[in-house]
Protein backbone atom coordinates (compact mmCIF):
# COMPACT_ATOMS: atom_id res chain seq x y z
CA MET A 1 0.00 0.00 -0.01
CA GLY A 2 2.86 2.39 0.62
CA ASP A 3 2.90 5.39 2.90
CA ALA A 4 -0.19 7.33 3.78
CA GLN A 5 -0.92 10.26 1.44
CA GLN A 6 -1.61 13.67 2.80
CA PHE A 7 -4.13 16.20 1.41
CA GLN A 8 -5.77 19.37 2.64
CA VAL A 9 -9.16 18.46 1.10
CA VAL A 10 -10.57 15.08 0.16
CA VAL A 11 -13.88 15.11 -1.78
CA ILE A 12 -15.76 11.81 -1.90
CA GLY A 13 -18.00 11.71 -4.97
CA ALA A 14 -16.99 13.00 -8.40
CA GLY A 15 -20.41 14.08 -9.59
CA ALA A 16 -21.69 17.57 -10.26
CA ALA A 17 -21.39 18.85 -6.66
CA GLY A 18 -18.06 17.06 -5.95
CA MET A 19 -16.26 18.31 -9.07
CA MET A 20 -17.55 21.88 -8.50
CA CYS A 21 -16.29 21.82 -4.90
CA ALA A 22 -12.91 20.39 -5.85
CA ILE A 23 -12.45 23.07 -8.51
CA GLN A 24 -13.24 25.90 -6.10
CA ALA A 25 -10.99 24.52 -3.34
CA ALA A 26 -8.13 23.97 -5.78
CA ARG A 27 -8.48 27.52 -7.09
CA ARG A 28 -7.79 28.68 -3.53
CA GLY A 29 -4.50 26.75 -3.63
CA ARG A 30 -5.65 23.83 -1.53
CA ALA A 31 -4.20 20.34 -2.14
CA VAL A 32 -7.29 18.49 -3.23
CA LEU A 33 -8.05 14.84 -3.90
CA LEU A 34 -11.26 13.81 -5.65
CA LEU A 35 -12.20 10.18 -5.36
CA ASP A 36 -15.12 8.02 -6.48
CA HIS A 37 -15.92 4.31 -6.32
CA ALA A 38 -17.26 4.36 -9.91
CA VAL A 39 -15.17 3.40 -12.94
CA LYS A 40 -16.93 5.88 -15.26
CA LEU A 41 -16.95 9.54 -14.39
CA ALA A 42 -20.23 11.36 -13.60
CA GLU A 43 -22.72 8.84 -15.02
CA LYS A 44 -25.63 10.76 -13.50
CA ILE A 45 -24.66 13.84 -15.41
CA ARG A 46 -24.26 11.72 -18.58
CA ILE A 47 -27.80 10.33 -18.52
CA SER A 48 -29.49 13.53 -17.37
CA GLY A 49 -32.07 15.13 -19.64
CA GLY A 50 -31.87 12.12 -21.96
CA GLY A 51 -28.16 12.83 -22.47
CA ARG A 52 -28.78 16.51 -23.22
CA CYS A 53 -28.12 17.70 -19.67
CA ASN A 54 -30.63 20.15 -18.26
CA PHE A 55 -27.81 21.88 -16.39
CA THR A 56 -29.75 24.63 -14.61
CA ASN A 57 -33.01 26.61 -14.49
CA LEU A 58 -33.18 30.35 -15.00
CA HIS A 59 -35.81 30.67 -12.29
CA ALA A 60 -34.00 28.73 -9.52
CA GLN A 61 -34.92 30.02 -6.08
CA ALA A 62 -35.60 28.55 -2.63
CA GLU A 63 -39.27 27.98 -3.48
CA ASN A 64 -38.25 25.32 -6.06
CA TYR A 65 -36.73 23.11 -3.38
CA ILE A 66 -38.12 20.73 -0.81
CA SER A 67 -36.44 20.58 2.62
CA SER A 68 -37.47 20.27 6.24
CA ASN A 69 -35.54 23.55 6.62
CA PRO A 70 -36.85 25.52 3.57
CA HIS A 71 -34.70 28.62 3.99
CA PHE A 72 -31.38 26.72 4.22
CA CYS A 73 -30.65 26.71 0.48
CA ARG A 74 -31.14 30.49 0.04
CA SER A 75 -27.58 31.48 0.97
CA ALA A 76 -25.82 29.10 -1.44
CA LEU A 77 -28.27 29.74 -4.28
CA ALA A 78 -27.70 33.49 -3.92
CA ARG A 79 -23.90 33.16 -4.09
CA TYR A 80 -23.81 30.86 -7.15
CA THR A 81 -26.60 31.60 -9.54
CA PRO A 82 -27.61 30.11 -12.90
CA GLN A 83 -25.90 33.15 -14.51
CA HIS A 84 -22.54 32.19 -13.03
CA PHE A 85 -22.72 28.71 -14.66
CA ILE A 86 -24.01 30.22 -17.94
CA THR A 87 -21.01 32.61 -18.02
CA TRP A 88 -18.61 29.68 -17.48
CA LEU A 89 -20.25 27.78 -20.37
CA LYS A 90 -19.94 30.81 -22.68
CA GLN A 91 -16.25 31.23 -21.75
CA ALA A 92 -15.71 27.59 -22.69
CA GLY A 93 -17.42 28.14 -26.05
CA LEU A 94 -20.35 25.85 -25.25
CA GLY A 95 -23.85 26.64 -26.54
CA TYR A 96 -27.12 26.20 -24.69
CA HIS A 97 -30.84 26.65 -25.32
CA GLU A 98 -33.97 27.13 -23.21
CA LYS A 99 -36.46 24.37 -23.80
CA LYS A 100 -39.39 25.55 -21.63
CA LEU A 101 -40.10 26.92 -18.18
CA GLY A 102 -36.57 28.23 -17.76
CA GLN A 103 -34.96 24.84 -18.41
CA LEU A 104 -31.51 25.22 -19.99
CA PHE A 105 -29.92 22.38 -21.99
CA CYS A 106 -26.39 22.12 -23.31
CA ASP A 107 -26.29 22.16 -27.17
CA GLU A 108 -23.32 19.77 -27.14
CA GLY A 109 -24.95 17.33 -24.68
CA SER A 110 -24.05 16.08 -21.25
CA GLY A 111 -20.61 14.85 -22.33
CA ALA A 112 -19.53 18.48 -22.90
CA ILE A 113 -20.59 19.41 -19.33
CA ILE A 114 -18.61 16.49 -17.85
CA ALA A 115 -15.57 17.47 -19.98
CA LEU A 116 -15.88 21.08 -18.80
CA LEU A 117 -15.77 20.03 -15.15
CA LYS A 118 -13.05 17.38 -15.67
CA ASN A 119 -10.83 19.80 -17.65
CA GLU A 120 -11.16 22.50 -14.99
CA CYS A 121 -10.32 19.97 -12.25
CA ASP A 122 -7.16 19.04 -14.12
CA ALA A 123 -6.30 22.70 -14.91
CA THR A 124 -6.57 23.66 -11.21
CA GLY A 125 -4.40 20.69 -10.09
CA VAL A 126 -7.07 18.43 -8.52
CA ASN A 127 -5.74 14.90 -7.83
CA TRP A 128 -7.87 11.92 -8.85
CA MET A 129 -8.47 8.43 -7.50
CA MET A 130 -10.99 6.48 -9.58
CA PRO A 131 -12.13 3.84 -8.96
CA CYS A 132 -11.44 4.01 -5.19
CA ALA A 133 -13.57 2.48 -2.49
CA VAL A 134 -13.51 4.00 1.02
CA GLN A 135 -13.67 1.33 3.71
CA ASP A 136 -13.38 3.41 6.85
CA VAL A 137 -13.26 7.04 8.01
CA GLN A 138 -11.77 8.09 11.34
CA HIS A 139 -11.69 11.54 12.92
CA GLN A 140 -8.99 12.89 15.23
CA HIS A 141 -10.06 15.63 17.60
CA VAL A 142 -7.13 18.02 17.19
CA SER A 143 -6.42 21.70 17.58
CA HIS A 144 -7.23 23.93 14.59
CA ALA A 145 -3.61 24.35 13.64
CA GLU A 146 -3.42 25.10 9.93
CA ASP A 147 -1.84 21.91 8.63
CA THR A 148 -3.23 19.31 11.10
CA ALA A 149 -4.83 16.29 9.53
CA CYS A 150 -8.29 15.68 11.05
CA PHE A 151 -9.51 12.67 9.06
CA THR A 152 -7.94 9.32 8.21
CA LEU A 153 -9.49 7.36 5.35
CA THR A 154 -8.79 3.70 4.74
CA THR A 155 -9.32 2.88 1.07
CA ASP A 156 -8.51 0.12 -1.37
CA ARG A 157 -5.79 2.43 -2.71
CA GLY A 158 -4.13 3.11 0.63
CA ILE A 159 -4.43 5.34 3.65
CA LEU A 160 -5.30 9.00 3.21
CA HIS A 161 -4.98 11.89 5.65
CA THR A 162 -6.89 15.12 5.18
CA GLN A 163 -7.83 18.30 7.07
CA SER A 164 -11.21 18.69 5.35
CA LEU A 165 -13.52 15.92 4.22
CA VAL A 166 -16.34 16.72 1.76
CA ILE A 167 -19.09 14.16 1.23
CA ALA A 168 -20.64 14.54 -2.26
CA SER A 169 -21.63 10.90 -2.70
CA GLY A 170 -25.24 11.50 -3.83
CA GLY A 171 -28.44 9.80 -2.80
CA LEU A 172 -30.13 6.44 -3.45
CA SER A 173 -31.60 7.17 -6.83
CA ILE A 174 -30.65 5.06 -9.90
CA PRO A 175 -28.66 2.32 -8.13
CA LYS A 176 -27.75 0.72 -11.46
CA ILE A 177 -25.24 3.52 -12.07
CA GLY A 178 -23.66 3.22 -8.62
CA ALA A 179 -25.84 4.95 -6.03
CA THR A 180 -25.17 3.79 -2.46
CA PRO A 181 -26.08 4.93 1.10
CA PHE A 182 -22.43 5.76 1.79
CA GLY A 183 -23.07 9.46 2.58
CA TYR A 184 -25.85 8.66 5.01
CA ARG A 185 -23.63 6.12 6.81
CA ILE A 186 -20.88 8.73 7.27
CA ALA A 187 -23.43 11.21 8.63
CA GLN A 188 -24.74 8.66 11.10
CA GLN A 189 -21.19 7.76 12.15
CA PHE A 190 -20.61 11.38 13.10
CA GLY A 191 -23.94 11.85 14.82
CA VAL A 192 -25.47 13.97 12.02
CA PRO A 193 -29.25 13.33 11.77
CA ILE A 194 -30.83 12.12 8.53
CA THR A 195 -34.37 13.18 7.59
CA LYS A 196 -36.83 10.67 6.19
CA LEU A 197 -35.69 9.39 2.77
CA LYS A 198 -37.95 8.56 -0.21
CA PRO A 199 -37.71 8.45 -4.01
CA GLY A 200 -38.40 11.81 -5.68
CA LEU A 201 -39.21 12.78 -9.26
CA VAL A 202 -40.53 9.28 -9.78
CA PRO A 203 -43.39 7.62 -11.69
CA LEU A 204 -46.41 6.56 -9.60
CA SER A 205 -48.00 3.10 -9.63
CA PHE A 206 -51.55 1.91 -8.98
CA HIS A 207 -53.03 -1.43 -7.94
CA PRO A 208 -53.19 -3.69 -11.01
CA ASP A 209 -56.94 -4.36 -10.54
CA GLU A 210 -57.67 -0.64 -10.45
CA TRP A 211 -55.32 0.16 -13.34
CA GLN A 212 -55.97 -2.74 -15.72
CA ALA A 213 -58.34 -0.77 -18.00
CA TYR A 214 -56.08 2.30 -18.09
CA ALA A 215 -52.93 0.23 -18.84
CA GLU A 216 -54.00 -0.05 -22.50
CA LEU A 217 -53.50 3.75 -22.76
CA ALA A 218 -49.76 3.32 -22.11
CA GLY A 219 -47.80 5.85 -24.12
CA ILE A 220 -50.65 8.39 -24.35
CA SER A 221 -49.89 11.83 -22.99
CA VAL A 222 -52.28 14.66 -21.96
CA ASP A 223 -51.78 18.23 -20.76
CA ALA A 224 -53.05 18.41 -17.17
CA VAL A 225 -52.81 20.16 -13.84
CA VAL A 226 -51.85 17.72 -11.12
CA SER A 227 -52.30 18.87 -7.54
CA TYR A 228 -51.46 17.55 -4.06
CA ALA A 229 -51.87 19.59 -0.86
CA ASP A 230 -50.84 23.16 -1.81
CA GLN A 231 -48.67 22.16 -4.79
CA SER A 232 -49.85 22.17 -8.43
CA PHE A 233 -47.99 21.53 -11.66
CA ARG A 234 -49.24 21.93 -15.19
CA GLU A 235 -47.33 19.80 -17.66
CA ASN A 236 -47.82 16.57 -19.52
CA LEU A 237 -49.16 13.49 -17.78
CA LEU A 238 -48.22 10.13 -19.32
CA PHE A 239 -50.16 6.86 -19.01
CA THR A 240 -47.96 3.81 -18.40
CA HIS A 241 -48.63 0.10 -18.00
CA ARG A 242 -48.26 0.44 -14.23
CA GLY A 243 -49.59 3.93 -13.58
CA LEU A 244 -48.78 7.55 -14.35
CA SER A 245 -45.57 9.32 -15.30
CA GLY A 246 -44.63 12.43 -17.31
CA PRO A 247 -43.33 15.72 -16.00
CA ALA A 248 -46.50 16.72 -14.06
CA ILE A 249 -46.47 13.41 -12.18
CA LEU A 250 -42.72 13.41 -11.51
CA GLN A 251 -43.07 16.94 -10.03
CA ILE A 252 -45.93 16.01 -7.72
CA SER A 253 -44.34 12.68 -6.65
CA SER A 254 -41.74 14.47 -4.52
CA TYR A 255 -44.58 16.07 -2.44
CA TRP A 256 -47.08 13.19 -2.49
CA GLN A 257 -47.56 11.14 0.69
CA PRO A 258 -48.65 7.44 0.54
CA GLY A 259 -52.34 6.78 0.95
CA GLN A 260 -53.35 10.24 -0.18
CA PRO A 261 -55.25 11.02 -3.41
CA LEU A 262 -53.99 13.23 -6.25
CA HIS A 263 -56.28 15.80 -7.84
CA ILE A 264 -56.00 15.95 -11.66
CA ASN A 265 -57.61 18.55 -13.91
CA LEU A 266 -57.60 16.98 -17.37
CA LEU A 267 -59.17 20.01 -19.02
CA PRO A 268 -57.29 23.03 -17.60
CA ASP A 269 -58.25 25.35 -20.53
CA HIS A 270 -61.96 24.53 -20.65
CA ASP A 271 -65.08 24.75 -18.50
CA LEU A 272 -66.84 21.50 -19.34
CA MET A 273 -70.21 22.65 -18.00
CA GLN A 274 -70.11 25.56 -20.42
CA LEU A 275 -69.22 23.23 -23.31
CA PHE A 276 -72.07 20.91 -22.36
CA ALA A 277 -74.52 23.83 -22.10
CA GLN A 278 -73.83 24.65 -25.77
CA GLN A 279 -74.51 21.02 -26.78
CA ARG A 280 -77.96 20.45 -25.19
CA GLY A 281 -79.60 19.01 -28.32
CA ASN A 282 -76.46 17.24 -29.63
CA ARG A 283 -77.00 13.53 -30.40
CA GLN A 284 -73.25 12.86 -30.68
CA LEU A 285 -71.85 10.20 -28.41
CA LEU A 286 -70.01 11.55 -25.34
CA SER A 287 -66.72 9.85 -26.42
CA ASN A 288 -66.96 11.35 -29.95
CA PHE A 289 -67.62 14.85 -28.63
CA MET A 290 -64.86 14.61 -25.96
CA ALA A 291 -62.35 13.21 -28.52
CA GLN A 292 -61.53 16.80 -29.52
CA TYR A 293 -60.27 17.41 -25.98
CA LEU A 294 -59.09 14.03 -24.62
CA PRO A 295 -58.08 10.64 -26.01
CA ARG A 296 -61.33 8.89 -27.06
CA ARG A 297 -60.29 5.61 -25.41
CA PHE A 298 -59.76 7.32 -22.06
CA VAL A 299 -63.29 8.75 -22.12
CA GLU A 300 -64.75 5.31 -23.06
CA ILE A 301 -62.90 3.71 -20.15
CA LYS A 302 -63.77 6.44 -17.65
CA PHE A 303 -67.43 6.67 -18.66
CA PRO A 304 -68.51 3.24 -19.95
CA ASP A 305 -72.19 4.19 -20.32
CA ASN A 306 -71.12 6.61 -23.13
CA LYS A 307 -74.55 7.92 -24.22
CA PRO A 308 -75.45 10.59 -26.75
CA LEU A 309 -75.01 14.03 -25.19
CA ASN A 310 -78.73 14.88 -25.31
CA GLN A 311 -79.53 11.87 -23.05
CA TYR A 312 -77.48 13.11 -20.10
CA THR A 313 -79.32 14.96 -17.34
CA GLU A 314 -77.93 18.20 -15.91
CA LYS A 315 -76.90 16.32 -12.81
CA GLU A 316 -75.11 13.63 -14.83
CA MET A 317 -73.33 16.37 -16.86
CA ALA A 318 -72.17 18.02 -13.65
CA ALA A 319 -70.84 14.68 -12.39
CA LEU A 320 -68.94 14.13 -15.68
CA ALA A 321 -67.43 17.60 -15.52
CA ALA A 322 -66.38 17.09 -11.86
CA GLN A 323 -64.68 13.80 -12.80
CA LEU A 324 -62.60 15.40 -15.56
CA HIS A 325 -61.81 18.71 -13.79
CA ASP A 326 -61.01 16.98 -10.49
CA TRP A 327 -60.16 13.35 -11.15
CA GLN A 328 -59.20 12.03 -7.69
CA ILE A 329 -56.99 8.97 -7.79
CA THR A 330 -54.82 7.42 -5.11
CA PRO A 331 -51.51 5.81 -6.12
CA SER A 332 -50.48 2.55 -4.47
CA GLY A 333 -46.85 3.67 -4.45
CA THR A 334 -43.93 4.80 -6.58
CA LEU A 335 -41.61 2.86 -8.93
CA GLY A 336 -38.88 3.27 -6.29
CA TYR A 337 -35.24 4.44 -6.40
CA ALA A 338 -34.54 2.47 -9.59
CA LYS A 339 -36.74 4.92 -11.56
CA ALA A 340 -36.38 7.99 -9.31
CA GLU A 341 -34.30 10.93 -10.52
CA VAL A 342 -33.51 12.14 -6.99
CA THR A 343 -33.70 11.22 -3.33
CA CYS A 344 -35.97 13.33 -1.11
CA GLY A 345 -34.67 13.91 2.39
CA GLY A 346 -31.06 13.46 3.51
CA VAL A 347 -28.48 14.97 5.83
CA ASP A 348 -30.47 17.28 8.13
CA THR A 349 -29.61 20.86 7.20
CA HIS A 350 -30.11 22.04 10.79
CA ALA A 351 -26.79 20.31 11.47
CA LEU A 352 -24.98 22.25 8.70
CA SER A 353 -23.82 25.84 8.15
CA SER A 354 -25.79 27.36 5.25
CA LYS A 355 -22.76 29.51 4.47
CA THR A 356 -20.13 26.78 4.32
CA MET A 357 -21.97 23.38 4.28
CA GLN A 358 -19.80 22.38 7.26
CA VAL A 359 -21.18 20.25 10.06
CA HIS A 360 -21.53 22.51 13.17
CA ALA A 361 -20.39 19.79 15.53
CA VAL A 362 -17.56 18.33 13.43
CA PRO A 363 -15.18 21.03 12.04
CA GLY A 364 -13.73 19.94 8.69
CA LEU A 365 -16.65 17.71 7.67
CA TYR A 366 -18.92 18.98 4.87
CA PHE A 367 -21.95 17.60 3.00
CA ILE A 368 -23.04 18.88 -0.46
CA GLY A 369 -25.32 17.96 -3.30
CA GLU A 370 -28.04 15.30 -3.31
CA VAL A 371 -26.94 13.68 0.00
CA VAL A 372 -28.26 16.84 1.76
CA ASP A 373 -31.97 17.35 2.59
CA VAL A 374 -32.46 19.82 -0.25
CA THR A 375 -34.35 18.39 -3.25
CA GLY A 376 -35.07 20.40 -6.37
CA GLN A 377 -38.09 20.23 -8.61
CA LEU A 378 -37.79 18.80 -12.13
CA GLY A 379 -36.08 21.01 -14.68
CA GLY A 380 -32.45 21.74 -13.82
CA TYR A 381 -32.96 22.73 -10.22
CA ASN A 382 -31.03 19.79 -8.76
CA PHE A 383 -28.03 20.64 -10.89
CA GLN A 384 -28.21 24.23 -9.69
CA TRP A 385 -28.18 22.97 -6.09
CA ALA A 386 -25.13 20.80 -6.90
CA TRP A 387 -23.22 23.83 -8.38
CA ALA A 388 -24.28 26.16 -5.56
CA SER A 389 -23.61 23.84 -2.64
CA GLY A 390 -20.33 22.66 -4.16
CA TYR A 391 -19.27 26.30 -4.71
CA ALA A 392 -20.19 27.24 -1.13
CA ALA A 393 -18.19 24.40 0.43
CA GLY A 394 -15.31 24.97 -1.98
CA GLN A 395 -14.78 28.47 -0.60
CA TYR A 396 -14.16 27.19 2.93
CA CYS A 397 -13.03 23.53 2.98
């Protein structure tokens, strides 16, 4: 194994947050090591946005994040904004475009974003160890003398000593590309609380008996407003064999609590009672009339009696309208971490400094990125949290 290697900063996790932090620390002249257990660099960046990398959102602010401590993310987001990252892209000669709702995508794809980060790590002198598995972390309680090593890491590539240890190991989402609970284990080892974890930005499933008829609609998408509690999102909703997906469902999934119904308005641009009022004498079948607004098969499944419009009573019309403007449906669960884009919950932010991301009770220990209890909505917000939290820790670690 050889002699122990000495660094001023070790960052565990070479994803978006970890690389950003390593770059910032190295720019300050710190001796930085970036390590990751994966063989391939930044797979989560690579697959993001279907490989196009939705790298930020122009509208990113605290209100776009879920946390048990909702104001925690304000400080970091204010110090490293979407504009900062855009400026860096432009300087590197990379193009980008806005798709919708402030979502920015890299013209050259996710590989260009990974290369940007990797090249800057190399240019600033960051040291790399990949793949490298960390087996044990120990902490020495020492004085705050400038060059005193506080942490000893036992790895499959030898013993490492470091003053500052930054955990950027991500959450539990998408285990097939290497997600592990490593970061949560380190937090627990050092007495840092973890809030309740659950899959976020994830498709929802329904009991097969309840969903059997709708399963044949798999692949059909409709514009809808999906609501839960005080949250509403208007985007596409996608029928699947097992339940519902699409942007509106992924958004609401992070807020949804098991056993509770969702409220879905399938006709957000229309007042169905007004439409019906104009069709009083119409002999057209309900499904034929509604086919101009919704998939015909959906209407036939939802309203199997499917009579001519002129045969519905006012009361029946009102019931139809209520069903389509406020379809209440209770998921049986989610498709889990395998299909989740993020992990909701994480390292309790009450234990961290919002300025530095350092653990109050353990000087030199930092947590950044997805492992922290700050979860963005769909649309580039989680990348912005990675950049902002990595930048914040990188100024101080």
